C-alpha atoms as a PDB file:
ATOM      1  CA  UNK A   1    -250.514  48.491-131.859  1.00  0.00           C
ATOM      2  CA  UNK A   2    -250.777  45.378-134.558  1.00  0.00           C
ATOM      3  CA  UNK A   3    -249.833  47.732-137.606  1.00  0.00           C
ATOM      4  CA  UNK A   4    -246.937  49.182-135.530  1.00  0.00           C
ATOM      5  CA  UNK A   5    -245.851  46.006-134.120  1.00  0.00           C
ATOM      6  CA  UNK A   6    -245.347  44.747-137.618  1.00  0.00           C
ATOM      7  CA  UNK A   7    -244.014  47.775-139.389  1.00  0.00           C
ATOM      8  CA  UNK A   8    -241.323  47.966-136.951  1.00  0.00           C
ATOM      9  CA  UNK A   9    -240.279  44.319-137.267  1.00  0.00           C
ATOM     10  CA  UNK A  10    -240.576  45.099-140.801  1.00  0.00           C
ATOM     11  CA  UNK A  11    -237.629  47.426-140.348  1.00  0.00           C
ATOM     12  CA  UNK A  12    -236.251  44.905-138.487  1.00  0.00           C
ATOM     13  CA  UNK A  13    -236.081  41.992-141.265  1.00  0.00           C
ATOM     14  CA  UNK A  14    -235.081  44.788-143.839  1.00  0.00           C
ATOM     15  CA  UNK A  15    -231.848  45.850-141.555  1.00  0.00           C
ATOM     16  CA  UNK A  16    -231.303  41.823-141.152  1.00  0.00           C
ATOM     17  CA  UNK A  17    -231.759  41.090-144.745  1.00  0.00           C
ATOM     18  CA  UNK A  18    -229.065  44.269-145.452  1.00  0.00           C
ATOM     19  CA  UNK A  19    -227.284  42.872-143.109  1.00  0.00           C
ATOM     20  CA  UNK A  20    -227.019  39.165-144.733  1.00  0.00           C
ATOM     21  CA  UNK A  21    -226.956  40.224-148.335  1.00  0.00           C
ATOM     22  CA  UNK A  22    -223.597  41.899-147.115  1.00  0.00           C
ATOM     23  CA  UNK A  23    -222.876  38.806-145.568  1.00  0.00           C
ATOM     24  CA  UNK A  24    -223.233  36.886-148.771  1.00  0.00           C
ATOM     25  CA  UNK A  25    -221.126  39.710-150.753  1.00  0.00           C
ATOM     26  CA  UNK A  26    -218.025  38.699-148.713  1.00  0.00           C
ATOM     27  CA  UNK A  27    -218.576  41.434-145.988  1.00  0.00           C
ATOM     28  CA  UNK A  28    -216.174  40.609-143.392  1.00  0.00           C
ATOM     29  CA  UNK A  29    -218.528  40.488-140.491  1.00  0.00           C
ATOM     30  CA  UNK A  30    -219.184  36.896-140.127  1.00  0.00           C
ATOM     31  CA  UNK A  31    -218.279  36.609-136.487  1.00  0.00           C
ATOM     32  CA  UNK A  32    -222.160  38.207-135.481  1.00  0.00           C
ATOM     33  CA  UNK A  33    -223.627  35.228-137.670  1.00  0.00           C
ATOM     34  CA  UNK A  34    -223.363  31.628-138.216  1.00  0.00           C
ATOM     35  CA  UNK A  35    -221.852  30.868-134.833  1.00  0.00           C
ATOM     36  CA  UNK A  36    -219.322  33.510-135.628  1.00  0.00           C
ATOM     37  CA  UNK A  37    -216.747  30.835-136.729  1.00  0.00           C
ATOM     38  CA  UNK A  38    -215.915  32.931-139.540  1.00  0.00           C
ATOM     39  CA  UNK A  39    -215.019  36.382-140.422  1.00  0.00           C
ATOM     40  CA  UNK A  40    -215.559  36.093-143.848  1.00  0.00           C
ATOM     41  CA  UNK A  41    -218.201  33.293-144.535  1.00  0.00           C
ATOM     42  CA  UNK A  42    -217.343  30.765-146.542  1.00  0.00           C
ATOM     43  CA  UNK A  43    -219.656  29.428-149.899  1.00  0.00           C
ATOM     44  CA  UNK A  44    -221.765  27.373-148.278  1.00  0.00           C
ATOM     45  CA  UNK A  45    -222.729  30.278-145.504  1.00  0.00           C
ATOM     46  CA  UNK A  46    -222.937  32.668-148.191  1.00  0.00           C
ATOM     47  CA  UNK A  47    -225.828  30.607-149.734  1.00  0.00           C
ATOM     48  CA  UNK A  48    -227.427  30.050-146.316  1.00  0.00           C
ATOM     49  CA  UNK A  49    -227.167  34.349-146.072  1.00  0.00           C
ATOM     50  CA  UNK A  50    -228.879  34.562-148.774  1.00  0.00           C
ATOM     51  CA  UNK A  51    -231.895  32.019-148.390  1.00  0.00           C
ATOM     52  CA  UNK A  52    -231.950  34.165-145.046  1.00  0.00           C
ATOM     53  CA  UNK A  53    -232.901  37.029-147.555  1.00  0.00           C
ATOM     54  CA  UNK A  54    -236.067  35.103-148.723  1.00  0.00           C
ATOM     55  CA  UNK A  55    -236.830  33.914-145.174  1.00  0.00           C
ATOM     56  CA  UNK A  56    -236.900  37.578-143.544  1.00  0.00           C
ATOM     57  CA  UNK A  57    -239.306  38.471-147.331  1.00  0.00           C
ATOM     58  CA  UNK A  58    -241.748  35.922-146.209  1.00  0.00           C
ATOM     59  CA  UNK A  59    -241.510  36.639-142.522  1.00  0.00           C
ATOM     60  CA  UNK A  60    -242.151  40.340-143.421  1.00  0.00           C
ATOM     61  CA  UNK A  61    -245.118  39.528-145.665  1.00  0.00           C
ATOM     62  CA  UNK A  62    -247.200  37.372-143.172  1.00  0.00           C
ATOM     63  CA  UNK A  63    -246.509  40.159-140.961  1.00  0.00           C
ATOM     64  CA  UNK A  64    -247.885  42.535-142.829  1.00  0.00           C
ATOM     65  CA  UNK A  65    -251.112  40.767-143.618  1.00  0.00           C
ATOM     66  CA  UNK A  66    -251.706  39.115-140.364  1.00  0.00           C
ATOM     67  CA  UNK A  67    -251.713  43.285-139.382  1.00  0.00           C
ATOM     68  CA  UNK A  68    -253.948  44.005-142.091  1.00  0.00           C
ATOM     69  CA  UNK A  69    -251.613  46.102-144.371  1.00  0.00           C
ATOM     70  CA  UNK A  70    -251.469  44.170-147.362  1.00  0.00           C
ATOM     71  CA  UNK A  71    -252.947  41.257-149.320  1.00  0.00           C
ATOM     72  CA  UNK A  72    -250.790  39.229-150.663  1.00  0.00           C
ATOM     73  CA  UNK A  73    -250.850  35.543-149.417  1.00  0.00           C
ATOM     74  CA  UNK A  74    -253.286  32.862-149.218  1.00  0.00           C
ATOM     75  CA  UNK A  75    -254.922  33.371-145.797  1.00  0.00           C
ATOM     76  CA  UNK A  76    -254.443  29.429-144.724  1.00  0.00           C
ATOM     77  CA  UNK A  77    -250.359  30.212-145.572  1.00  0.00           C
ATOM     78  CA  UNK A  78    -250.634  33.559-143.056  1.00  0.00           C
ATOM     79  CA  UNK A  79    -252.524  31.910-140.482  1.00  0.00           C
ATOM     80  CA  UNK A  80    -250.141  29.176-140.139  1.00  0.00           C
ATOM     81  CA  UNK A  81    -246.851  30.771-140.528  1.00  0.00           C
ATOM     82  CA  UNK A  82    -247.524  33.423-138.241  1.00  0.00           C
ATOM     83  CA  UNK A  83    -246.743  30.512-135.637  1.00  0.00           C
ATOM     84  CA  UNK A  84    -244.463  28.696-137.731  1.00  0.00           C
ATOM     85  CA  UNK A  85    -242.504  32.255-137.602  1.00  0.00           C
ATOM     86  CA  UNK A  86    -242.927  32.516-133.862  1.00  0.00           C
ATOM     87  CA  UNK A  87    -241.741  29.010-133.550  1.00  0.00           C
ATOM     88  CA  UNK A  88    -238.645  30.067-135.476  1.00  0.00           C
ATOM     89  CA  UNK A  89    -237.812  32.689-133.798  1.00  0.00           C
ATOM     90  CA  UNK A  90    -238.219  31.768-130.827  1.00  0.00           C
ATOM     91  CA  UNK A  91    -236.102  28.650-131.314  1.00  0.00           C
ATOM     92  CA  UNK A  92    -233.285  31.703-132.703  1.00  0.00           C
ATOM     93  CA  UNK A  93    -233.557  33.140-129.264  1.00  0.00           C
ATOM     94  CA  UNK A  94    -231.295  30.288-127.123  1.00  0.00           C
ATOM     95  CA  UNK A  95    -229.746  29.840-130.442  1.00  0.00           C
ATOM     96  CA  UNK A  96    -228.188  32.939-130.399  1.00  0.00           C
ATOM     97  CA  UNK A  97    -227.909  33.364-126.665  1.00  0.00           C
ATOM     98  CA  UNK A  98    -225.558  29.892-126.870  1.00  0.00           C
ATOM     99  CA  UNK A  99    -223.348  31.050-129.896  1.00  0.00           C
ATOM    100  CA  UNK A 100    -219.619  31.262-129.088  1.00  0.00           C
ATOM    101  CA  UNK A 101    -219.373  34.341-130.565  1.00  0.00           C
ATOM    102  CA  UNK A 102    -219.418  36.908-127.916  1.00  0.00           C
ATOM    103  CA  UNK A 103    -220.811  39.752-131.196  1.00  0.00           C
ATOM    104  CA  UNK A 104    -223.698  37.169-132.240  1.00  0.00           C
ATOM    105  CA  UNK A 105    -224.502  36.433-128.449  1.00  0.00           C
ATOM    106  CA  UNK A 106    -224.701  40.240-127.630  1.00  0.00           C
ATOM    107  CA  UNK A 107    -225.928  41.682-131.387  1.00  0.00           C
ATOM    108  CA  UNK A 108    -228.170  38.852-132.542  1.00  0.00           C
ATOM    109  CA  UNK A 109    -230.156  37.486-129.394  1.00  0.00           C
ATOM    110  CA  UNK A 110    -231.580  41.037-127.731  1.00  0.00           C
ATOM    111  CA  UNK A 111    -232.758  41.654-131.991  1.00  0.00           C
ATOM    112  CA  UNK A 112    -234.411  38.187-132.273  1.00  0.00           C
ATOM    113  CA  UNK A 113    -235.798  39.043-128.591  1.00  0.00           C
ATOM    114  CA  UNK A 114    -237.585  42.142-130.085  1.00  0.00           C
ATOM    115  CA  UNK A 115    -238.769  40.444-133.542  1.00  0.00           C
ATOM    116  CA  UNK A 116    -240.269  37.709-131.488  1.00  0.00           C
ATOM    117  CA  UNK A 117    -242.232  39.868-129.373  1.00  0.00           C
ATOM    118  CA  UNK A 118    -243.073  42.126-132.385  1.00  0.00           C
ATOM    119  CA  UNK A 119    -244.486  38.996-133.729  1.00  0.00           C
ATOM    120  CA  UNK A 120    -245.984  37.799-131.149  1.00  0.00           C
ATOM    121  CA  UNK A 121    -248.236  40.920-130.655  1.00  0.00           C
ATOM    122  CA  UNK A 122    -248.796  40.530-134.581  1.00  0.00           C
ATOM    123  CA  UNK A 123    -250.258  37.159-134.098  1.00  0.00           C
ATOM    124  CA  UNK A 124    -252.511  38.171-130.795  1.00  0.00           C
ATOM    125  CA  UNK A 125    -253.888  41.161-132.480  1.00  0.00           C
ATOM    126  CA  UNK A 126    -252.633  42.868-129.747  1.00  0.00           C
END
């Protein structure tokens, strides 16, 4: 189950990375992210979207290694990183849930909940 959870989480992270890349490129979908205040993100939020892609890549590497599918990072980075990732995702749940943007609340909140549960499955080795 751990391997399957890691793979599904990575698929979701890849989809989010594509979404963030589109936002960084100027796609008019900003109402789904960053509080939903801008349809097309301003420069500083586009940079934030680019950074998010890097964070998602690191999260994917941590998940895949914790599940025993790859060896990319030092073990202590993965051992600590999985719990940092869980904290990040746990914080993301209420942050998305209280967004002023209805599309962000109803799209991103469930995605983050699923990612949290998948990452918890990987972290616990279930």
